[in-house]
Structures are given as C-alpha cells and as structure tokens.
Amino acid sequence: MTKLPRLALRALPMLALAACIETAPSPAADDDDLCGAAALAGLVGQPAEVARTMQLPAGTRIINPGDPVTRDLRRDRLNIEIGADGNIARVACY
C-alpha cells in the first residue's frame, strides 16, 4: 500500500469529526432593529400628524420636544421623536 492511501485513511476520522462540529449561529443583521424602525425610516422629515394617524405597534412612543422620557432600554420598543419644527426627526428602537 502506498503512503497516499494510508494518509487518506488516517485523515478520514478527523474529517468525519469536523463535520460534526456545531458552529455558532451568526447574529442576525437586524439585531439592532427589533422594533422595526428601519421600515419606518421614510417617516423622518414628515409632519408629526403622519405618525399620529398611523396604526403603530403597541408600546410605541411618540416623543414631542420637552416630553419626559424614561431611560429604560427596550430594544423592541419603537420610538418616534418629533423635532422642534413639528416634523418627525428620528425613528429608533430604544
């Protein structure tokens, strides 16, 4: 028997084990968009009334200038910030 088949036979168990190794799943690209803010990014610059007339997910906050806002971080909560000009300034998850 030549050396090449022997080497291949020795490598076979390692190849079989390599196929059994579980890899960690890659984090989802939209991990930072748990609330769906990216889909509503087109609202930025629109009048605040647009957001007020929309059917938004439960727990969504429409934040006017000067409104008190809790500092608890909930990445699944949609926040729509209204600027001083009365237009939507930001749509984000926090």
C-alpha atoms as a PDB file:
ATOM      1  CA  MET A   1       0.000   0.000   0.000  1.00  0.00           C
ATOM      2  CA  THR A   2       1.376   3.434  -0.902  1.00  0.00           C
ATOM      3  CA  LYS A   3       1.670   6.300   1.534  1.00  0.00           C
ATOM      4  CA  LEU A   4      -1.084   8.398  -0.057  1.00  0.00           C
ATOM      5  CA  PRO A   5      -3.955   5.966   0.671  1.00  0.00           C
ATOM      6  CA  ARG A   6      -2.639   5.423   4.220  1.00  0.00           C
ATOM      7  CA  LEU A   7      -2.574   9.168   4.813  1.00  0.00           C
ATOM      8  CA  ALA A   8      -6.089   9.470   3.437  1.00  0.00           C
ATOM      9  CA  LEU A   9      -7.290   6.688   5.744  1.00  0.00           C
ATOM     10  CA  ARG A  10      -5.740   8.441   8.731  1.00  0.00           C
ATOM     11  CA  ALA A  11      -7.384  11.748   7.830  1.00  0.00           C
ATOM     12  CA  LEU A  12     -10.816  10.209   7.341  1.00  0.00           C
ATOM     13  CA  PRO A  13     -11.771  10.106  11.065  1.00  0.00           C
ATOM     14  CA  MET A  14     -10.734  13.750  11.512  1.00  0.00           C
ATOM     15  CA  LEU A  15     -12.831  14.790   8.533  1.00  0.00           C
ATOM     16  CA  ALA A  16     -15.797  12.888   9.911  1.00  0.00           C
ATOM     17  CA  LEU A  17     -15.422  14.643  13.282  1.00  0.00           C
ATOM     18  CA  ALA A  18     -15.059  18.026  11.626  1.00  0.00           C
ATOM     19  CA  ALA A  19     -18.446  17.546  10.020  1.00  0.00           C
ATOM     20  CA  CYS A  20     -19.965  17.062  13.491  1.00  0.00           C
ATOM     21  CA  ILE A  21     -18.696  20.323  14.954  1.00  0.00           C
ATOM     22  CA  GLU A  22     -21.565  22.660  15.708  1.00  0.00           C
ATOM     23  CA  THR A  23     -20.932  26.220  14.645  1.00  0.00           C
ATOM     24  CA  ALA A  24     -22.434  29.182  16.474  1.00  0.00           C
ATOM     25  CA  PRO A  25     -25.188  30.900  14.522  1.00  0.00           C
ATOM     26  CA  SER A  26     -24.207  34.287  13.188  1.00  0.00           C
ATOM     27  CA  PRO A  27     -26.043  37.181  14.792  1.00  0.00           C
ATOM     28  CA  ALA A  28     -28.921  38.483  12.730  1.00  0.00           C
ATOM     29  CA  ALA A  29     -28.172  41.602  10.752  1.00  0.00           C
ATOM     30  CA  ASP A  30     -31.299  43.287  12.082  1.00  0.00           C
ATOM     31  CA  ASP A  31     -30.455  42.704  15.768  1.00  0.00           C
ATOM     32  CA  ASP A  32     -30.448  46.463  16.274  1.00  0.00           C
ATOM     33  CA  ASP A  33     -33.853  46.785  14.612  1.00  0.00           C
ATOM     34  CA  LEU A  34     -36.023  44.648  16.859  1.00  0.00           C
ATOM     35  CA  CYS A  35     -38.817  47.243  16.804  1.00  0.00           C
ATOM     36  CA  GLY A  36     -38.993  47.640  13.016  1.00  0.00           C
ATOM     37  CA  ALA A  37     -37.693  51.222  12.886  1.00  0.00           C
ATOM     38  CA  ALA A  38     -35.819  50.629   9.616  1.00  0.00           C
ATOM     39  CA  ALA A  39     -39.088  50.024   7.789  1.00  0.00           C
ATOM     40  CA  LEU A  40     -40.367  53.397   9.007  1.00  0.00           C
ATOM     41  CA  ALA A  41     -37.224  55.425   8.284  1.00  0.00           C
ATOM     42  CA  GLY A  42     -39.086  57.174   5.460  1.00  0.00           C
ATOM     43  CA  LEU A  43     -41.154  59.000   8.067  1.00  0.00           C
ATOM     44  CA  VAL A  44     -38.226  61.232   9.007  1.00  0.00           C
ATOM     45  CA  GLY A  45     -38.976  64.735   7.785  1.00  0.00           C
ATOM     46  CA  GLN A  46     -42.735  64.117   7.556  1.00  0.00           C
ATOM     47  CA  PRO A  47     -45.183  66.122   9.703  1.00  0.00           C
ATOM     48  CA  ALA A  48     -45.848  64.652  13.153  1.00  0.00           C
ATOM     49  CA  GLU A  49     -49.519  64.160  12.231  1.00  0.00           C
ATOM     50  CA  VAL A  50     -48.472  61.367   9.867  1.00  0.00           C
ATOM     51  CA  ALA A  51     -47.203  59.289  12.802  1.00  0.00           C
ATOM     52  CA  ARG A  52     -50.215  60.153  14.942  1.00  0.00           C
ATOM     53  CA  THR A  53     -52.628  58.850  12.319  1.00  0.00           C
ATOM     54  CA  MET A  54     -50.741  55.604  11.689  1.00  0.00           C
ATOM     55  CA  GLN A  55     -51.534  52.298  13.331  1.00  0.00           C
ATOM     56  CA  LEU A  56     -48.298  51.655  15.220  1.00  0.00           C
ATOM     57  CA  PRO A  57     -47.221  48.654  17.321  1.00  0.00           C
ATOM     58  CA  ALA A  58     -48.369  48.577  20.941  1.00  0.00           C
ATOM     59  CA  GLY A  59     -45.947  50.408  23.219  1.00  0.00           C
ATOM     60  CA  THR A  60     -44.755  52.833  20.543  1.00  0.00           C
ATOM     61  CA  ARG A  61     -43.789  56.208  21.949  1.00  0.00           C
ATOM     62  CA  ILE A  62     -44.293  59.445  20.056  1.00  0.00           C
ATOM     63  CA  ILE A  63     -41.965  61.835  21.823  1.00  0.00           C
ATOM     64  CA  ASN A  64     -42.537  65.566  21.461  1.00  0.00           C
ATOM     65  CA  PRO A  65     -39.859  68.168  22.252  1.00  0.00           C
ATOM     66  CA  GLY A  66     -39.541  68.558  26.015  1.00  0.00           C
ATOM     67  CA  ASP A  67     -41.508  65.386  26.834  1.00  0.00           C
ATOM     68  CA  PRO A  68     -40.080  63.452  29.774  1.00  0.00           C
ATOM     69  CA  VAL A  69     -38.849  60.029  28.657  1.00  0.00           C
ATOM     70  CA  THR A  70     -37.857  57.087  30.830  1.00  0.00           C
ATOM     71  CA  ARG A  71     -34.315  55.872  30.402  1.00  0.00           C
ATOM     72  CA  ASP A  72     -35.112  52.160  30.432  1.00  0.00           C
ATOM     73  CA  LEU A  73     -33.676  50.473  27.362  1.00  0.00           C
ATOM     74  CA  ARG A  74     -36.094  48.257  25.453  1.00  0.00           C
ATOM     75  CA  ARG A  75     -34.701  47.475  22.028  1.00  0.00           C
ATOM     76  CA  ASP A  76     -38.094  46.134  20.955  1.00  0.00           C
ATOM     77  CA  ARG A  77     -39.863  49.468  21.596  1.00  0.00           C
ATOM     78  CA  LEU A  78     -40.451  51.821  18.671  1.00  0.00           C
ATOM     79  CA  ASN A  79     -39.778  55.490  19.401  1.00  0.00           C
ATOM     80  CA  ILE A  80     -40.731  58.320  17.089  1.00  0.00           C
ATOM     81  CA  GLU A  81     -39.151  61.636  18.038  1.00  0.00           C
ATOM     82  CA  ILE A  82     -40.756  64.868  16.917  1.00  0.00           C
ATOM     83  CA  GLY A  83     -38.445  67.822  16.295  1.00  0.00           C
ATOM     84  CA  ALA A  84     -38.990  71.430  17.324  1.00  0.00           C
ATOM     85  CA  ASP A  85     -40.212  72.136  13.789  1.00  0.00           C
ATOM     86  CA  GLY A  86     -43.123  69.712  14.203  1.00  0.00           C
ATOM     87  CA  ASN A  87     -41.668  67.113  11.848  1.00  0.00           C
ATOM     88  CA  ILE A  88     -40.518  63.599  12.631  1.00  0.00           C
ATOM     89  CA  ALA A  89     -36.830  63.892  13.495  1.00  0.00           C
ATOM     90  CA  ARG A  90     -35.948  60.295  14.369  1.00  0.00           C
ATOM     91  CA  VAL A  91     -37.356  56.778  14.327  1.00  0.00           C
ATOM     92  CA  ALA A  92     -35.419  54.347  16.515  1.00  0.00           C
ATOM     93  CA  CYS A  93     -35.507  51.318  18.802  1.00  0.00           C
ATOM     94  CA  TYR A  94     -34.740  52.049  22.458  1.00  0.00           C
END
